[in-house]
C-alpha atoms as a PDB file:
ATOM      1  CA  MET A   1      -0.233   0.002  -0.670  1.00  0.00           C
ATOM      2  CA  LYS A   2       2.863   2.485   0.726  1.00  0.00           C
ATOM      3  CA  ILE A   3       4.285   2.272  -2.331  1.00  0.00           C
ATOM      4  CA  VAL A   4       1.309   2.497  -3.888  1.00  0.00           C
ATOM      5  CA  CYS A   5       0.713   5.795  -2.709  1.00  0.00           C
ATOM      6  CA  LEU A   6       4.090   7.247  -3.078  1.00  0.00           C
ATOM      7  CA  LEU A   7       3.546   6.066  -7.215  1.00  0.00           C
ATOM      8  CA  VAL A   8       1.065   8.100  -7.037  1.00  0.00           C
ATOM      9  CA  PHE A   9       2.039  11.256  -5.138  1.00  0.00           C
ATOM     10  CA  SER A  10       4.995  10.887  -7.316  1.00  0.00           C
ATOM     11  CA  SER A  11       2.789  10.522 -10.578  1.00  0.00           C
ATOM     12  CA  VAL A  12       0.889  13.932  -9.372  1.00  0.00           C
ATOM     13  CA  ILE A  13       4.463  15.919  -8.242  1.00  0.00           C
ATOM     14  CA  LEU A  14       5.369  15.076 -11.700  1.00  0.00           C
ATOM     15  CA  LEU A  15       2.290  16.543 -13.671  1.00  0.00           C
ATOM     16  CA  SER A  16       2.061  19.369 -11.883  1.00  0.00           C
ATOM     17  CA  CYS A  17       5.959  20.399 -12.993  1.00  0.00           C
ATOM     18  CA  ALA A  18       4.854  20.352 -16.545  1.00  0.00           C
ATOM     19  CA  THR A  19       6.333  23.440 -17.533  1.00  0.00           C
ATOM     20  CA  THR A  20       2.691  24.759 -20.139  1.00  0.00           C
ATOM     21  CA  GLN A  21       4.799  28.201 -21.708  1.00  0.00           C
ATOM     22  CA  ARG A  22       2.667  31.071 -22.697  1.00  0.00           C
ATOM     23  CA  THR A  23       5.024  32.914 -25.770  1.00  0.00           C
ATOM     24  CA  ASP A  24       3.988  36.370 -27.693  1.00  0.00           C
ATOM     25  CA  LEU A  25       5.537  37.522 -30.513  1.00  0.00           C
ATOM     26  CA  TYR A  26       4.551  41.006 -30.996  1.00  0.00           C
ATOM     27  CA  PHE A  27       4.969  41.666 -34.495  1.00  0.00           C
ATOM     28  CA  GLY A  28       4.866  45.638 -35.975  1.00  0.00           C
ATOM     29  CA  ARG A  29       3.704  46.120 -39.363  1.00  0.00           C
ATOM     30  CA  ASN A  30       5.265  49.138 -40.151  1.00  0.00           C
ATOM     31  CA  ILE A  31       8.207  48.554 -43.156  1.00  0.00           C
ATOM     32  CA  PRO A  32      11.301  49.996 -43.209  1.00  0.00           C
ATOM     33  CA  THR A  33      11.078  50.461 -46.781  1.00  0.00           C
ATOM     34  CA  GLY A  34       8.226  52.914 -46.583  1.00  0.00           C
ATOM     35  CA  GLY A  35       4.718  51.579 -46.073  1.00  0.00           C
ATOM     36  CA  GLN A  36       3.141  48.473 -43.836  1.00  0.00           C
ATOM     37  CA  VAL A  37       1.843  45.079 -43.749  1.00  0.00           C
ATOM     38  CA  SER A  38      -1.321  44.958 -45.403  1.00  0.00           C
ATOM     39  CA  ASN A  39      -3.880  42.485 -44.095  1.00  0.00           C
ATOM     40  CA  GLU A  40      -3.823  40.569 -47.240  1.00  0.00           C
ATOM     41  CA  GLN A  41       0.150  39.903 -46.690  1.00  0.00           C
ATOM     42  CA  TRP A  42      -0.795  39.397 -42.550  1.00  0.00           C
ATOM     43  CA  GLN A  43      -3.204  37.044 -43.134  1.00  0.00           C
ATOM     44  CA  HIS A  44      -0.945  35.416 -46.091  1.00  0.00           C
ATOM     45  CA  PHE A  45       1.772  34.299 -43.032  1.00  0.00           C
ATOM     46  CA  SER A  46      -0.560  33.751 -41.138  1.00  0.00           C
ATOM     47  CA  ASP A  47      -2.032  31.337 -42.974  1.00  0.00           C
ATOM     48  CA  SER A  48       0.869  29.737 -44.419  1.00  0.00           C
ATOM     49  CA  ILE A  49       3.551  30.464 -42.377  1.00  0.00           C
ATOM     50  CA  ILE A  50       2.826  30.522 -37.773  1.00  0.00           C
ATOM     51  CA  THR A  51      -0.360  27.903 -39.233  1.00  0.00           C
ATOM     52  CA  HIS A  52       2.208  25.563 -40.518  1.00  0.00           C
ATOM     53  CA  PHE A  53       3.676  25.654 -37.153  1.00  0.00           C
ATOM     54  CA  PHE A  54       1.128  25.951 -34.847  1.00  0.00           C
ATOM     55  CA  PRO A  55      -2.157  23.751 -36.371  1.00  0.00           C
ATOM     56  CA  GLU A  56      -3.670  23.328 -33.129  1.00  0.00           C
ATOM     57  CA  GLY A  57      -4.444  27.365 -32.686  1.00  0.00           C
ATOM     58  CA  TYR A  58      -3.279  30.632 -31.898  1.00  0.00           C
ATOM     59  CA  THR A  59      -4.782  33.579 -31.324  1.00  0.00           C
ATOM     60  CA  GLU A  60      -4.381  36.932 -33.203  1.00  0.00           C
ATOM     61  CA  SER A  61      -4.966  40.560 -31.729  1.00  0.00           C
ATOM     62  CA  ASP A  62      -4.550  44.346 -33.240  1.00  0.00           C
ATOM     63  CA  ALA A  63      -2.372  46.190 -30.703  1.00  0.00           C
ATOM     64  CA  VAL A  64      -0.068  49.784 -31.146  1.00  0.00           C
ATOM     65  CA  GLY A  65       3.123  48.744 -30.838  1.00  0.00           C
ATOM     66  CA  LYS A  66       5.721  52.091 -29.349  1.00  0.00           C
ATOM     67  CA  TRP A  67       9.349  50.881 -29.677  1.00  0.00           C
ATOM     68  CA  GLN A  68      12.792  52.983 -30.138  1.00  0.00           C
ATOM     69  CA  ASP A  69      14.021  52.862 -34.053  1.00  0.00           C
ATOM     70  CA  THR A  70      17.995  50.765 -33.302  1.00  0.00           C
ATOM     71  CA  LYS A  71      19.381  52.886 -36.252  1.00  0.00           C
ATOM     72  CA  THR A  72      17.269  56.031 -36.125  1.00  0.00           C
ATOM     73  CA  GLN A  73      16.602  56.698 -32.465  1.00  0.00           C
ATOM     74  CA  VAL A  74      13.358  57.666 -32.555  1.00  0.00           C
ATOM     75  CA  THR A  75      10.470  56.718 -30.568  1.00  0.00           C
ATOM     76  CA  ILE A  76       7.842  55.253 -33.732  1.00  0.00           C
ATOM     77  CA  ALA A  77       4.290  54.088 -33.164  1.00  0.00           C
ATOM     78  CA  GLU A  78       2.682  51.552 -35.192  1.00  0.00           C
ATOM     79  CA  PRO A  79       0.069  48.858 -35.522  1.00  0.00           C
ATOM     80  CA  THR A  80       1.259  46.068 -34.414  1.00  0.00           C
ATOM     81  CA  LYS A  81       0.002  42.156 -34.435  1.00  0.00           C
ATOM     82  CA  VAL A  82       0.151  40.042 -31.025  1.00  0.00           C
ATOM     83  CA  VAL A  83       0.179  35.938 -32.237  1.00  0.00           C
ATOM     84  CA  THR A  84       0.181  33.943 -28.674  1.00  0.00           C
ATOM     85  CA  PHE A  85       0.465  30.081 -28.053  1.00  0.00           C
ATOM     86  CA  VAL A  86      -0.251  28.157 -25.534  1.00  0.00           C
ATOM     87  CA  GLY A  87       1.518  25.331 -25.055  1.00  0.00           C
ATOM     88  CA  ALA A  88       3.592  22.003 -23.334  1.00  0.00           C
ATOM     89  CA  LYS A  89       7.664  23.765 -22.898  1.00  0.00           C
ATOM     90  CA  SER A  90      10.230  21.884 -25.601  1.00  0.00           C
ATOM     91  CA  ALA A  91      12.624  22.374 -28.007  1.00  0.00           C
ATOM     92  CA  LYS A  92      10.691  21.941 -30.895  1.00  0.00           C
ATOM     93  CA  ARG A  93       8.078  24.547 -29.979  1.00  0.00           C
ATOM     94  CA  ASN A  94      10.466  26.995 -29.846  1.00  0.00           C
ATOM     95  CA  LYS A  95      12.708  26.208 -32.337  1.00  0.00           C
ATOM     96  CA  ALA A  96       9.194  26.673 -34.040  1.00  0.00           C
ATOM     97  CA  LEU A  97       8.493  29.850 -32.488  1.00  0.00           C
ATOM     98  CA  ASP A  98      11.555  31.329 -32.991  1.00  0.00           C
ATOM     99  CA  SER A  99      11.365  29.950 -37.655  1.00  0.00           C
ATOM    100  CA  ILE A 100       7.725  32.209 -37.742  1.00  0.00           C
ATOM    101  CA  ALA A 101       9.773  35.039 -36.379  1.00  0.00           C
ATOM    102  CA  THR A 102      12.878  34.782 -38.196  1.00  0.00           C
ATOM    103  CA  ALA A 103      10.287  33.952 -41.536  1.00  0.00           C
ATOM    104  CA  TYR A 104       8.044  37.662 -41.168  1.00  0.00           C
ATOM    105  CA  MET A 105      11.710  39.788 -40.445  1.00  0.00           C
ATOM    106  CA  LYS A 106      12.737  38.081 -43.398  1.00  0.00           C
ATOM    107  CA  MET A 107       9.832  38.549 -45.044  1.00  0.00           C
ATOM    108  CA  PHE A 108       9.074  41.727 -44.160  1.00  0.00           C
ATOM    109  CA  ALA A 109      12.814  43.523 -43.858  1.00  0.00           C
ATOM    110  CA  GLN A 110      12.234  44.306 -40.168  1.00  0.00           C
ATOM    111  CA  GLN A 111      14.919  44.197 -37.459  1.00  0.00           C
ATOM    112  CA  ALA A 112      13.213  42.671 -34.642  1.00  0.00           C
ATOM    113  CA  VAL A 113      10.171  40.411 -33.578  1.00  0.00           C
ATOM    114  CA  LEU A 114      10.090  40.819 -29.470  1.00  0.00           C
ATOM    115  CA  ARG A 115       8.422  36.989 -28.355  1.00  0.00           C
ATOM    116  CA  VAL A 116       7.992  36.753 -23.937  1.00  0.00           C
ATOM    117  CA  ASN A 117       7.701  33.586 -22.912  1.00  0.00           C
ATOM    118  CA  ALA A 118       5.635  32.998 -19.123  1.00  0.00           C
ATOM    119  CA  LYS A 119       5.178  30.394 -17.429  1.00  0.00           C
ATOM    120  CA  ILE A 120       1.153  29.272 -17.127  1.00  0.00           C
ATOM    121  CA  THR A 121      -0.754  27.032 -15.828  1.00  0.00           C
ATOM    122  CA  MET A 122      -3.673  26.604 -17.346  1.00  0.00           C
ATOM    123  CA  LYS A 123      -7.127  25.119 -17.825  1.00  0.00           C
ATOM    124  CA  PHE A 124     -10.161  24.143 -20.165  1.00  0.00           C
ATOM    125  CA  VAL A 125     -13.799  25.474 -18.837  1.00  0.00           C
ATOM    126  CA  SER A 126     -16.178  22.726 -19.817  1.00  0.00           C
ATOM    127  CA  GLN A 127     -19.484  20.454 -19.615  1.00  0.00           C
END
């Protein structure tokens, strides 16, 4: 009986240690050479690149970001897409997130994509 209790306790401890991570990627839509990433361009990027890496889903939000341009040292405001991912922390997931950011930087001549990670607890509320 003691062994069974110990095994159950150990399993609960190990499950509670599994790390769920929330990652937000911030994509500025101003293009340094002029213009902005259009809604159609964003939709294509989201559908073809982001969904490729995260077919299980993610959340997109519109925002306005302010940041200091590293070349001009001027603080600018620009329309921004914030994409939120929730899932188990893993090397594969981290590589996928970095691949998305890198693809966006190359496709739209961006200096950077901000990535914010946070350890979270989560549950689905359902009936």
